[in-house]
């Protein structure tokens, strides 16, 4: 089997990570990764922006997940985290700019309460 050119050993291209499902501690899908945020100076991924609660990408809320909290699970075909969907309800989301890029997690005054929970 040929390896995808966006995967080399333990490395994977960021465009392949974006869109990957994220599963909570209860194995239920809680959303998908919309983007990864990289520290400009250190060159390491700081966190992933989880998109959830919308329909076909519209109306999604966004939540920062520390990159270290995500572990890829081959059986699920996505990332696993200790956060559950119920924990996301009422959490503070990331304020997104009109271009759709996420900034560092905002101060509470710039964030809004997530309301798109089921």
PDB file of N, CA and C in Angstrom:
ATOM      1  N   UNK A   1       0.851  -1.167   0.000  1.00  0.00           N
ATOM      2  CA  UNK A   1       0.000   0.000   0.000  1.00  0.00           C
ATOM      3  C   UNK A   1       0.900   1.235   0.000  1.00  0.00           C
ATOM      4  N   UNK A   2       0.639   2.167  -0.897  1.00  0.00           N
ATOM      5  CA  UNK A   2       1.430   3.393  -0.990  1.00  0.00           C
ATOM      6  C   UNK A   2       0.971   4.384   0.062  1.00  0.00           C
ATOM      7  N   UNK A   3       1.954   5.057   0.687  1.00  0.00           N
ATOM      8  CA  UNK A   3       1.633   6.056   1.698  1.00  0.00           C
ATOM      9  C   UNK A   3       1.222   7.351   1.016  1.00  0.00           C
ATOM     10  N   UNK A   4       0.212   7.987   1.517  1.00  0.00           N
ATOM     11  CA  UNK A   4      -0.237   9.282   1.007  1.00  0.00           C
ATOM     12  C   UNK A   4       0.935  10.246   1.048  1.00  0.00           C
ATOM     13  N   UNK A   5       1.125  11.039  -0.020  1.00  0.00           N
ATOM     14  CA  UNK A   5       2.250  11.971  -0.058  1.00  0.00           C
ATOM     15  C   UNK A   5       2.138  13.061   0.992  1.00  0.00           C
ATOM     16  N   UNK A   6       0.987  13.187   1.655  1.00  0.00           N
ATOM     17  CA  UNK A   6       0.827  14.158   2.736  1.00  0.00           C
ATOM     18  C   UNK A   6       1.156  13.540   4.092  1.00  0.00           C
ATOM     19  N   UNK A   7       1.586  12.277   4.084  1.00  0.00           N
ATOM     20  CA  UNK A   7       1.990  11.598   5.307  1.00  0.00           C
ATOM     21  C   UNK A   7       3.376  11.011   5.105  1.00  0.00           C
ATOM     22  N   UNK A   8       4.279  11.328   6.011  1.00  0.00           N
ATOM     23  CA  UNK A   8       5.638  10.804   5.957  1.00  0.00           C
ATOM     24  C   UNK A   8       5.978  10.314   7.353  1.00  0.00           C
ATOM     25  N   UNK A   9       6.043   9.005   7.528  1.00  0.00           N
ATOM     26  CA  UNK A   9       6.328   8.443   8.855  1.00  0.00           C
ATOM     27  C   UNK A   9       5.277   8.884   9.852  1.00  0.00           C
ATOM     28  N   UNK A  10       5.699   9.573  10.911  1.00  0.00           N
ATOM     29  CA  UNK A  10       4.786  10.078  11.928  1.00  0.00           C
ATOM     30  C   UNK A  10       4.266  11.465  11.607  1.00  0.00           C
ATOM     31  N   UNK A  11       4.669  12.035  10.469  1.00  0.00           N
ATOM     32  CA  UNK A  11       4.250  13.390  10.103  1.00  0.00           C
ATOM     33  C   UNK A  11       3.021  13.349   9.215  1.00  0.00           C
ATOM     34  N   UNK A  12       2.217  14.419   9.297  1.00  0.00           N
ATOM     35  CA  UNK A  12       1.019  14.528   8.472  1.00  0.00           C
ATOM     36  C   UNK A  12       0.840  15.990   8.087  1.00  0.00           C
ATOM     37  N   UNK A  13       0.386  16.244   6.888  1.00  0.00           N
ATOM     38  CA  UNK A  13       0.154  17.608   6.428  1.00  0.00           C
ATOM     39  C   UNK A  13      -1.034  18.233   7.151  1.00  0.00           C
ATOM     40  N   UNK A  14      -0.928  19.540   7.452  1.00  0.00           N
ATOM     41  CA  UNK A  14      -2.001  20.217   8.185  1.00  0.00           C
ATOM     42  C   UNK A  14      -3.316  20.171   7.425  1.00  0.00           C
ATOM     43  N   UNK A  15      -3.266  20.203   6.089  1.00  0.00           N
ATOM     44  CA  UNK A  15      -4.509  20.160   5.325  1.00  0.00           C
ATOM     45  C   UNK A  15      -5.204  18.817   5.429  1.00  0.00           C
ATOM     46  N   UNK A  16      -4.468  17.773   5.797  1.00  0.00           N
ATOM     47  CA  UNK A  16      -5.096  16.474   6.000  1.00  0.00           C
ATOM     48  C   UNK A  16      -5.689  16.362   7.403  1.00  0.00           C
ATOM     49  N   UNK A  17      -5.118  17.096   8.357  1.00  0.00           N
ATOM     50  CA  UNK A  17      -5.649  17.108   9.728  1.00  0.00           C
ATOM     51  C   UNK A  17      -6.966  17.866   9.759  1.00  0.00           C
ATOM     52  N   UNK A  18      -7.033  18.981   9.026  1.00  0.00           N
ATOM     53  CA  UNK A  18      -8.254  19.796   9.006  1.00  0.00           C
ATOM     54  C   UNK A  18      -9.391  18.979   8.408  1.00  0.00           C
ATOM     55  N   UNK A  19     -10.512  18.951   9.124  1.00  0.00           N
ATOM     56  CA  UNK A  19     -11.661  18.163   8.702  1.00  0.00           C
ATOM     57  C   UNK A  19     -11.741  16.806   9.370  1.00  0.00           C
ATOM     58  N   UNK A  20     -10.695  16.416  10.091  1.00  0.00           N
ATOM     59  CA  UNK A  20     -10.693  15.124  10.770  1.00  0.00           C
ATOM     60  C   UNK A  20     -11.632  15.157  11.971  1.00  0.00           C
ATOM     61  N   UNK A  21     -12.388  14.084  12.128  1.00  0.00           N
ATOM     62  CA  UNK A  21     -13.347  13.986  13.231  1.00  0.00           C
ATOM     63  C   UNK A  21     -12.643  13.961  14.578  1.00  0.00           C
ATOM     64  N   UNK A  22     -13.326  14.519  15.588  1.00  0.00           N
ATOM     65  CA  UNK A  22     -12.854  14.479  16.972  1.00  0.00           C
ATOM     66  C   UNK A  22     -13.928  13.780  17.796  1.00  0.00           C
ATOM     67  N   UNK A  23     -13.504  12.793  18.574  1.00  0.00           N
ATOM     68  CA  UNK A  23     -14.404  12.007  19.401  1.00  0.00           C
ATOM     69  C   UNK A  23     -14.132  12.292  20.869  1.00  0.00           C
ATOM     70  N   UNK A  24     -15.203  12.379  21.643  1.00  0.00           N
ATOM     71  CA  UNK A  24     -15.086  12.633  23.069  1.00  0.00           C
ATOM     72  C   UNK A  24     -14.751  11.376  23.837  1.00  0.00           C
ATOM     73  N   UNK A  25     -14.648  11.517  25.144  1.00  0.00           N
ATOM     74  CA  UNK A  25     -14.301  10.403  26.018  1.00  0.00           C
ATOM     75  C   UNK A  25     -15.318   9.272  25.936  1.00  0.00           C
ATOM     76  N   UNK A  26     -16.549   9.597  25.528  1.00  0.00           N
ATOM     77  CA  UNK A  26     -17.608   8.600  25.415  1.00  0.00           C
ATOM     78  C   UNK A  26     -17.693   7.986  24.015  1.00  0.00           C
ATOM     79  N   UNK A  27     -16.684   8.225  23.156  1.00  0.00           N
ATOM     80  CA  UNK A  27     -16.604   7.714  21.777  1.00  0.00           C
ATOM     81  C   UNK A  27     -17.623   8.328  20.828  1.00  0.00           C
ATOM     82  N   UNK A  28     -18.347   9.347  21.257  1.00  0.00           N
ATOM     83  CA  UNK A  28     -19.267  10.054  20.366  1.00  0.00           C
ATOM     84  C   UNK A  28     -18.525  11.169  19.656  1.00  0.00           C
ATOM     85  N   UNK A  29     -18.842  11.365  18.384  1.00  0.00           N
ATOM     86  CA  UNK A  29     -18.217  12.448  17.628  1.00  0.00           C
ATOM     87  C   UNK A  29     -18.720  13.777  18.176  1.00  0.00           C
ATOM     88  N   UNK A  30     -17.771  14.667  18.516  1.00  0.00           N
ATOM     89  CA  UNK A  30     -18.153  15.971  19.061  1.00  0.00           C
ATOM     90  C   UNK A  30     -17.905  17.099  18.073  1.00  0.00           C
ATOM     91  N   UNK A  31     -17.224  16.821  16.978  1.00  0.00           N
ATOM     92  CA  UNK A  31     -16.952  17.846  15.979  1.00  0.00           C
ATOM     93  C   UNK A  31     -15.794  17.432  15.102  1.00  0.00           C
ATOM     94  N   UNK A  32     -15.175  18.426  14.457  1.00  0.00           N
ATOM     95  CA  UNK A  32     -14.016  18.146  13.616  1.00  0.00           C
ATOM     96  C   UNK A  32     -13.025  19.300  13.725  1.00  0.00           C
ATOM     97  N   UNK A  33     -11.803  19.001  13.376  1.00  0.00           N
ATOM     98  CA  UNK A  33     -10.754  20.010  13.441  1.00  0.00           C
ATOM     99  C   UNK A  33     -10.902  20.953  12.255  1.00  0.00           C
ATOM    100  N   UNK A  34     -11.034  22.237  12.546  1.00  0.00           N
ATOM    101  CA  UNK A  34     -11.145  23.227  11.478  1.00  0.00           C
ATOM    102  C   UNK A  34      -9.797  23.792  11.087  1.00  0.00           C
ATOM    103  N   UNK A  35      -8.900  23.899  12.046  1.00  0.00           N
ATOM    104  CA  UNK A  35      -7.542  24.367  11.741  1.00  0.00           C
ATOM    105  C   UNK A  35      -6.631  24.057  12.909  1.00  0.00           C
ATOM    106  N   UNK A  36      -5.342  24.079  12.630  1.00  0.00           N
ATOM    107  CA  UNK A  36      -4.354  23.938  13.698  1.00  0.00           C
ATOM    108  C   UNK A  36      -3.636  25.272  13.823  1.00  0.00           C
ATOM    109  N   UNK A  37      -3.321  25.638  15.047  1.00  0.00           N
ATOM    110  CA  UNK A  37      -2.652  26.904  15.316  1.00  0.00           C
ATOM    111  C   UNK A  37      -1.213  26.608  15.735  1.00  0.00           C
ATOM    112  N   UNK A  38      -0.270  27.206  14.991  1.00  0.00           N
ATOM    113  CA  UNK A  38       1.148  26.932  15.167  1.00  0.00           C
ATOM    114  C   UNK A  38       1.834  28.136  15.783  1.00  0.00           C
ATOM    115  N   UNK A  39       2.650  27.882  16.788  1.00  0.00           N
ATOM    116  CA  UNK A  39       3.444  28.938  17.406  1.00  0.00           C
ATOM    117  C   UNK A  39       4.464  29.416  16.372  1.00  0.00           C
ATOM    118  N   UNK A  40       4.415  30.701  16.023  1.00  0.00           N
ATOM    119  CA  UNK A  40       5.290  31.233  14.971  1.00  0.00           C
ATOM    120  C   UNK A  40       6.762  31.113  15.325  1.00  0.00           C
ATOM    121  N   UNK A  41       7.098  31.321  16.565  1.00  0.00           N
ATOM    122  CA  UNK A  41       8.506  31.299  16.960  1.00  0.00           C
ATOM    123  C   UNK A  41       9.014  29.886  17.209  1.00  0.00           C
ATOM    124  N   UNK A  42       8.210  29.095  17.893  1.00  0.00           N
ATOM    125  CA  UNK A  42       8.652  27.747  18.248  1.00  0.00           C
ATOM    126  C   UNK A  42       8.420  26.724  17.156  1.00  0.00           C
ATOM    127  N   UNK A  43       7.476  27.009  16.243  1.00  0.00           N
ATOM    128  CA  UNK A  43       7.200  26.106  15.147  1.00  0.00           C
ATOM    129  C   UNK A  43       6.421  24.860  15.519  1.00  0.00           C
ATOM    130  N   UNK A  44       5.812  24.851  16.689  1.00  0.00           N
ATOM    131  CA  UNK A  44       5.046  23.678  17.126  1.00  0.00           C
ATOM    132  C   UNK A  44       3.563  23.994  17.159  1.00  0.00           C
ATOM    133  N   UNK A  45       2.757  22.960  16.966  1.00  0.00           N
ATOM    134  CA  UNK A  45       1.314  23.133  17.049  1.00  0.00           C
ATOM    135  C   UNK A  45       0.949  23.399  18.502  1.00  0.00           C
ATOM    136  N   UNK A  46       0.241  24.508  18.743  1.00  0.00           N
ATOM    137  CA  UNK A  46      -0.189  24.847  20.101  1.00  0.00           C
ATOM    138  C   UNK A  46      -1.550  24.245  20.408  1.00  0.00           C
ATOM    139  N   UNK A  47      -2.487  24.454  19.500  1.00  0.00           N
ATOM    140  CA  UNK A  47      -3.816  23.895  19.722  1.00  0.00           C
ATOM    141  C   UNK A  47      -4.540  23.706  18.407  1.00  0.00           C
ATOM    142  N   UNK A  48      -5.615  22.947  18.461  1.00  0.00           N
ATOM    143  CA  UNK A  48      -6.483  22.729  17.314  1.00  0.00           C
ATOM    144  C   UNK A  48      -7.793  23.450  17.586  1.00  0.00           C
ATOM    145  N   UNK A  49      -8.374  24.008  16.550  1.00  0.00           N
ATOM    146  CA  UNK A  49      -9.680  24.647  16.676  1.00  0.00           C
ATOM    147  C   UNK A  49     -10.735  23.611  16.303  1.00  0.00           C
ATOM    148  N   UNK A  50     -11.546  23.253  17.297  1.00  0.00           N
ATOM    149  CA  UNK A  50     -12.631  22.295  17.112  1.00  0.00           C
ATOM    150  C   UNK A  50     -13.857  23.050  16.637  1.00  0.00           C
ATOM    151  N   UNK A  51     -14.407  22.640  15.515  1.00  0.00           N
ATOM    152  CA  UNK A  51     -15.675  23.187  15.038  1.00  0.00           C
ATOM    153  C   UNK A  51     -16.781  22.194  15.359  1.00  0.00           C
ATOM    154  N   UNK A  52     -17.882  22.700  15.917  1.00  0.00           N
ATOM    155  CA  UNK A  52     -18.990  21.803  16.260  1.00  0.00           C
ATOM    156  C   UNK A  52     -20.301  22.572  16.320  1.00  0.00           C
ATOM    157  N   UNK A  53     -21.387  21.828  16.257  1.00  0.00           N
ATOM    158  CA  UNK A  53     -22.707  22.391  16.492  1.00  0.00           C
ATOM    159  C   UNK A  53     -23.395  22.993  15.280  1.00  0.00           C
ATOM    160  N   UNK A  54     -22.717  23.123  14.169  1.00  0.00           N
ATOM    161  CA  UNK A  54     -23.338  23.719  12.987  1.00  0.00           C
ATOM    162  C   UNK A  54     -23.894  22.656  12.061  1.00  0.00           C
ATOM    163  N   UNK A  55     -24.257  23.105  10.868  1.00  0.00           N
ATOM    164  CA  UNK A  55     -24.770  22.202   9.843  1.00  0.00           C
ATOM    165  C   UNK A  55     -23.996  22.476   8.565  1.00  0.00           C
ATOM    166  N   UNK A  56     -23.279  21.464   8.070  1.00  0.00           N
ATOM    167  CA  UNK A  56     -22.452  21.588   6.866  1.00  0.00           C
ATOM    168  C   UNK A  56     -21.467  22.751   6.969  1.00  0.00           C
ATOM    169  N   UNK A  57     -20.912  22.944   8.148  1.00  0.00           N
ATOM    170  CA  UNK A  57     -19.920  23.986   8.349  1.00  0.00           C
ATOM    171  C   UNK A  57     -20.482  25.370   8.610  1.00  0.00           C
ATOM    172  N   UNK A  58     -21.790  25.522   8.531  1.00  0.00           N
ATOM    173  CA  UNK A  58     -22.422  26.822   8.774  1.00  0.00           C
ATOM    174  C   UNK A  58     -22.924  26.883  10.207  1.00  0.00           C
ATOM    175  N   UNK A  59     -22.658  27.993  10.863  1.00  0.00           N
ATOM    176  CA  UNK A  59     -23.125  28.182  12.226  1.00  0.00           C
ATOM    177  C   UNK A  59     -22.325  27.413  13.260  1.00  0.00           C
ATOM    178  N   UNK A  60     -21.137  26.934  12.887  1.00  0.00           N
ATOM    179  CA  UNK A  60     -20.302  26.213  13.842  1.00  0.00           C
ATOM    180  C   UNK A  60     -19.853  27.118  14.973  1.00  0.00           C
ATOM    181  N   UNK A  61     -19.755  26.554  16.158  1.00  0.00           N
ATOM    182  CA  UNK A  61     -19.059  27.186  17.259  1.00  0.00           C
ATOM    183  C   UNK A  61     -17.644  26.636  17.228  1.00  0.00           C
ATOM    184  N   UNK A  62     -16.742  27.325  17.875  1.00  0.00           N
ATOM    185  CA  UNK A  62     -15.334  26.940  17.850  1.00  0.00           C
ATOM    186  C   UNK A  62     -14.788  26.881  19.266  1.00  0.00           C
ATOM    187  N   UNK A  63     -13.986  25.866  19.502  1.00  0.00           N
ATOM    188  CA  UNK A  63     -13.431  25.646  20.832  1.00  0.00           C
ATOM    189  C   UNK A  63     -11.969  25.232  20.689  1.00  0.00           C
ATOM    190  N   UNK A  64     -11.058  25.857  21.444  1.00  0.00           N
ATOM    191  CA  UNK A  64      -9.647  25.479  21.344  1.00  0.00           C
ATOM    192  C   UNK A  64      -9.353  24.219  22.159  1.00  0.00           C
ATOM    193  N   UNK A  65      -8.692  23.266  21.533  1.00  0.00           N
ATOM    194  CA  UNK A  65      -8.252  22.063  22.229  1.00  0.00           C
ATOM    195  C   UNK A  65      -6.730  22.034  22.198  1.00  0.00           C
ATOM    196  N   UNK A  66      -6.080  21.978  23.360  1.00  0.00           N
ATOM    197  CA  UNK A  66      -4.623  21.864  23.354  1.00  0.00           C
ATOM    198  C   UNK A  66      -4.204  20.654  22.517  1.00  0.00           C
ATOM    199  N   UNK A  67      -3.200  20.834  21.683  1.00  0.00           N
ATOM    200  CA  UNK A  67      -2.780  19.760  20.787  1.00  0.00           C
ATOM    201  C   UNK A  67      -2.420  18.495  21.573  1.00  0.00           C
ATOM    202  N   UNK A  68      -1.838  18.678  22.765  1.00  0.00           N
ATOM    203  CA  UNK A  68      -1.446  17.520  23.565  1.00  0.00           C
ATOM    204  C   UNK A  68      -2.648  16.714  24.050  1.00  0.00           C
ATOM    205  N   UNK A  69      -3.839  17.311  24.035  1.00  0.00           N
ATOM    206  CA  UNK A  69      -5.030  16.602  24.508  1.00  0.00           C
ATOM    207  C   UNK A  69      -5.638  15.700  23.437  1.00  0.00           C
ATOM    208  N   UNK A  70      -5.109  15.752  22.223  1.00  0.00           N
ATOM    209  CA  UNK A  70      -5.639  14.951  21.113  1.00  0.00           C
ATOM    210  C   UNK A  70      -4.727  13.770  20.828  1.00  0.00           C
ATOM    211  N   UNK A  71      -5.308  12.612  20.715  1.00  0.00           N
ATOM    212  CA  UNK A  71      -4.573  11.395  20.352  1.00  0.00           C
ATOM    213  C   UNK A  71      -5.300  10.755  19.182  1.00  0.00           C
ATOM    214  N   UNK A  72      -4.561  10.413  18.121  1.00  0.00           N
ATOM    215  CA  UNK A  72      -5.205   9.799  16.956  1.00  0.00           C
ATOM    216  C   UNK A  72      -5.550   8.349  17.271  1.00  0.00           C
ATOM    217  N   UNK A  73      -6.792   7.970  16.967  1.00  0.00           N
ATOM    218  CA  UNK A  73      -7.294   6.625  17.210  1.00  0.00           C
ATOM    219  C   UNK A  73      -7.599   5.988  15.858  1.00  0.00           C
ATOM    220  N   UNK A  74      -6.800   5.011  15.464  1.00  0.00           N
ATOM    221  CA  UNK A  74      -6.981   4.400  14.144  1.00  0.00           C
ATOM    222  C   UNK A  74      -8.311   3.662  14.030  1.00  0.00           C
ATOM    223  N   UNK A  75      -8.804   3.098  15.134  1.00  0.00           N
ATOM    224  CA  UNK A  75     -10.088   2.379  15.099  1.00  0.00           C
ATOM    225  C   UNK A  75     -11.247   3.336  14.815  1.00  0.00           C
ATOM    226  N   UNK A  76     -11.169   4.557  15.365  1.00  0.00           N
ATOM    227  CA  UNK A  76     -12.223   5.546  15.144  1.00  0.00           C
ATOM    228  C   UNK A  76     -12.002   6.339  13.859  1.00  0.00           C
ATOM    229  N   UNK A  77     -10.772   6.377  13.385  1.00  0.00           N
ATOM    230  CA  UNK A  77     -10.459   7.166  12.197  1.00  0.00           C
ATOM    231  C   UNK A  77     -10.482   8.657  12.482  1.00  0.00           C
ATOM    232  N   UNK A  78     -10.154   9.010  13.715  1.00  0.00           N
ATOM    233  CA  UNK A  78     -10.145  10.409  14.108  1.00  0.00           C
ATOM    234  C   UNK A  78      -9.405  10.587  15.417  1.00  0.00           C
ATOM    235  N   UNK A  79      -9.449  11.816  15.913  1.00  0.00           N
ATOM    236  CA  UNK A  79      -8.771  12.135  17.163  1.00  0.00           C
ATOM    237  C   UNK A  79      -9.700  11.908  18.346  1.00  0.00           C
ATOM    238  N   UNK A  80      -9.123  11.473  19.445  1.00  0.00           N
ATOM    239  CA  UNK A  80      -9.864  11.267  20.685  1.00  0.00           C
ATOM    240  C   UNK A  80      -9.382  12.323  21.685  1.00  0.00           C
ATOM    241  N   UNK A  81     -10.331  12.868  22.452  1.00  0.00           N
ATOM    242  CA  UNK A  81     -10.006  13.821  23.508  1.00  0.00           C
ATOM    243  C   UNK A  81     -10.827  13.485  24.738  1.00  0.00           C
ATOM    244  N   UNK A  82     -10.450  14.019  25.872  1.00  0.00           N
ATOM    245  CA  UNK A  82     -11.185  13.771  27.109  1.00  0.00           C
ATOM    246  C   UNK A  82     -12.419  14.632  27.269  1.00  0.00           C
ATOM    247  N   UNK A  83     -12.626  15.590  26.370  1.00  0.00           N
ATOM    248  CA  UNK A  83     -13.772  16.496  26.433  1.00  0.00           C
ATOM    249  C   UNK A  83     -14.992  15.800  25.842  1.00  0.00           C
ATOM    250  N   UNK A  84     -16.147  16.004  26.466  1.00  0.00           N
ATOM    251  CA  UNK A  84     -17.399  15.471  25.915  1.00  0.00           C
ATOM    252  C   UNK A  84     -18.240  16.617  25.374  1.00  0.00           C
ATOM    253  N   UNK A  85     -19.215  16.279  24.568  1.00  0.00           N
ATOM    254  CA  UNK A  85     -20.096  17.293  23.995  1.00  0.00           C
ATOM    255  C   UNK A  85     -20.823  18.080  25.083  1.00  0.00           C
ATOM    256  N   UNK A  86     -21.222  17.413  26.152  1.00  0.00           N
ATOM    257  CA  UNK A  86     -21.930  18.108  27.228  1.00  0.00           C
ATOM    258  C   UNK A  86     -21.021  19.118  27.928  1.00  0.00           C
ATOM    259  N   UNK A  87     -19.714  18.846  27.988  1.00  0.00           N
ATOM    260  CA  UNK A  87     -18.788  19.797  28.587  1.00  0.00           C
ATOM    261  C   UNK A  87     -18.617  21.034  27.712  1.00  0.00           C
ATOM    262  N   UNK A  88     -18.788  20.882  26.410  1.00  0.00           N
ATOM    263  CA  UNK A  88     -18.657  22.022  25.514  1.00  0.00           C
ATOM    264  C   UNK A  88     -19.826  23.002  25.669  1.00  0.00           C
ATOM    265  N   UNK A  89     -20.978  22.505  26.076  1.00  0.00           N
ATOM    266  CA  UNK A  89     -22.146  23.372  26.246  1.00  0.00           C
ATOM    267  C   UNK A  89     -21.883  24.361  27.380  1.00  0.00           C
ATOM    268  N   UNK A  90     -22.042  25.606  27.081  1.00  0.00           N
ATOM    269  CA  UNK A  90     -21.807  26.646  28.063  1.00  0.00           C
ATOM    270  C   UNK A  90     -20.353  27.078  28.166  1.00  0.00           C
ATOM    271  N   UNK A  91     -19.464  26.425  27.416  1.00  0.00           N
ATOM    272  CA  UNK A  91     -18.042  26.807  27.433  1.00  0.00           C
ATOM    273  C   UNK A  91     -17.855  28.093  26.644  1.00  0.00           C
ATOM    274  N   UNK A  92     -16.672  28.657  26.752  1.00  0.00           N
ATOM    275  CA  UNK A  92     -16.361  29.872  25.997  1.00  0.00           C
ATOM    276  C   UNK A  92     -15.778  29.470  24.649  1.00  0.00           C
ATOM    277  N   UNK A  93     -16.310  30.053  23.564  1.00  0.00           N
ATOM    278  CA  UNK A  93     -15.791  29.709  22.244  1.00  0.00           C
ATOM    279  C   UNK A  93     -14.796  30.747  21.768  1.00  0.00           C
ATOM    280  N   UNK A  94     -14.145  30.471  20.653  1.00  0.00           N
ATOM    281  CA  UNK A  94     -13.157  31.380  20.083  1.00  0.00           C
ATOM    282  C   UNK A  94     -13.873  32.362  19.177  1.00  0.00           C
ATOM    283  N   UNK A  95     -13.602  33.651  19.362  1.00  0.00           N
ATOM    284  CA  UNK A  95     -14.133  34.661  18.460  1.00  0.00           C
ATOM    285  C   UNK A  95     -13.381  34.538  17.139  1.00  0.00           C
ATOM    286  N   UNK A  96     -14.099  34.328  16.045  1.00  0.00           N
ATOM    287  CA  UNK A  96     -13.474  34.160  14.744  1.00  0.00           C
ATOM    288  C   UNK A  96     -13.566  35.477  13.975  1.00  0.00           C
ATOM    289  N   UNK A  97     -12.529  35.768  13.199  1.00  0.00           N
ATOM    290  CA  UNK A  97     -12.543  36.982  12.394  1.00  0.00           C
ATOM    291  C   UNK A  97     -13.379  36.743  11.142  1.00  0.00           C
ATOM    292  N   UNK A  98     -13.640  37.794  10.388  1.00  0.00           N
ATOM    293  CA  UNK A  98     -14.441  37.644   9.179  1.00  0.00           C
ATOM    294  C   UNK A  98     -13.739  36.806   8.135  1.00  0.00           C
ATOM    295  N   UNK A  99     -12.421  36.661   8.213  1.00  0.00           N
ATOM    296  CA  UNK A  99     -11.706  35.815   7.265  1.00  0.00           C
ATOM    297  C   UNK A  99     -11.739  34.358   7.691  1.00  0.00           C
ATOM    298  N   UNK A 100     -12.274  34.091   8.884  1.00  0.00           N
ATOM    299  CA  UNK A 100     -12.404  32.717   9.353  1.00  0.00           C
ATOM    300  C   UNK A 100     -11.171  32.189  10.051  1.00  0.00           C
ATOM    301  N   UNK A 101     -10.210  33.033  10.361  1.00  0.00           N
ATOM    302  CA  UNK A 101      -9.015  32.553  11.045  1.00  0.00           C
ATOM    303  C   UNK A 101      -9.192  32.727  12.536  1.00  0.00           C
ATOM    304  N   UNK A 102      -8.690  31.792  13.296  1.00  0.00           N
ATOM    305  CA  UNK A 102      -8.786  31.875  14.748  1.00  0.00           C
ATOM    306  C   UNK A 102      -7.565  32.555  15.315  1.00  0.00           C
ATOM    307  N   UNK A 103      -7.771  33.347  16.298  1.00  0.00           N
ATOM    308  CA  UNK A 103      -6.661  33.976  17.000  1.00  0.00           C
ATOM    309  C   UNK A 103      -6.314  33.110  18.199  1.00  0.00           C
ATOM    310  N   UNK A 104      -5.358  33.533  18.992  1.00  0.00           N
ATOM    311  CA  UNK A 104      -5.075  32.819  20.230  1.00  0.00           C
ATOM    312  C   UNK A 104      -6.362  32.832  21.051  1.00  0.00           C
ATOM    313  N   UNK A 105      -6.555  31.867  21.944  1.00  0.00           N
ATOM    314  CA  UNK A 105      -7.798  31.863  22.709  1.00  0.00           C
ATOM    315  C   UNK A 105      -8.030  33.237  23.331  1.00  0.00           C
ATOM    316  N   UNK A 106      -9.201  33.801  23.093  1.00  0.00           N
ATOM    317  CA  UNK A 106      -9.466  35.170  23.527  1.00  0.00           C
ATOM    318  C   UNK A 106      -9.697  35.289  25.024  1.00  0.00           C
ATOM    319  N   UNK A 107      -9.557  36.503  25.481  1.00  0.00           N
ATOM    320  CA  UNK A 107      -9.926  36.806  26.857  1.00  0.00           C
ATOM    321  C   UNK A 107     -11.439  36.647  26.970  1.00  0.00           C
ATOM    322  N   UNK A 108     -11.969  36.308  28.130  1.00  0.00           N
ATOM    323  CA  UNK A 108     -13.406  36.102  28.265  1.00  0.00           C
ATOM    324  C   UNK A 108     -14.249  37.251  27.735  1.00  0.00           C
ATOM    325  N   UNK A 109     -13.768  38.479  27.803  1.00  0.00           N
ATOM    326  CA  UNK A 109     -14.554  39.607  27.321  1.00  0.00           C
ATOM    327  C   UNK A 109     -14.765  39.557  25.814  1.00  0.00           C
ATOM    328  N   UNK A 110     -13.869  38.875  25.083  1.00  0.00           N
ATOM    329  CA  UNK A 110     -13.981  38.785  23.631  1.00  0.00           C
ATOM    330  C   UNK A 110     -14.688  37.521  23.181  1.00  0.00           C
ATOM    331  N   UNK A 111     -14.949  36.609  24.084  1.00  0.00           N
ATOM    332  CA  UNK A 111     -15.577  35.358  23.699  1.00  0.00           C
ATOM    333  C   UNK A 111     -17.063  35.384  24.027  1.00  0.00           C
ATOM    334  N   UNK A 112     -17.772  34.419  23.495  1.00  0.00           N
ATOM    335  CA  UNK A 112     -19.203  34.318  23.756  1.00  0.00           C
ATOM    336  C   UNK A 112     -19.523  32.921  24.228  1.00  0.00           C
ATOM    337  N   UNK A 113     -20.622  32.790  24.901  1.00  0.00           N
ATOM    338  CA  UNK A 113     -21.024  31.472  25.373  1.00  0.00           C
ATOM    339  C   UNK A 113     -21.569  30.657  24.222  1.00  0.00           C
ATOM    340  N   UNK A 114     -21.165  29.422  24.153  1.00  0.00           N
ATOM    341  CA  UNK A 114     -21.611  28.525  23.095  1.00  0.00           C
ATOM    342  C   UNK A 114     -23.068  28.190  23.330  1.00  0.00           C
ATOM    343  N   UNK A 115     -23.861  28.345  22.291  1.00  0.00           N
ATOM    344  CA  UNK A 115     -25.301  28.089  22.426  1.00  0.00           C
ATOM    345  C   UNK A 115     -25.783  27.013  21.464  1.00  0.00           C
ATOM    346  N   UNK A 116     -24.904  26.470  20.623  1.00  0.00           N
ATOM    347  CA  UNK A 116     -25.328  25.533  19.582  1.00  0.00           C
ATOM    348  C   UNK A 116     -25.329  24.087  20.049  1.00  0.00           C
ATOM    349  N   UNK A 117     -25.485  23.857  21.327  1.00  0.00           N
ATOM    350  CA  UNK A 117     -25.487  22.486  21.835  1.00  0.00           C
ATOM    351  C   UNK A 117     -26.866  21.873  21.683  1.00  0.00           C
ATOM    352  N   UNK A 118     -26.860  20.589  21.488  1.00  0.00           N
ATOM    353  CA  UNK A 118     -28.122  19.850  21.311  1.00  0.00           C
ATOM    354  C   UNK A 118     -28.773  19.578  22.626  1.00  0.00           C
TER     355      UNK A 118
END
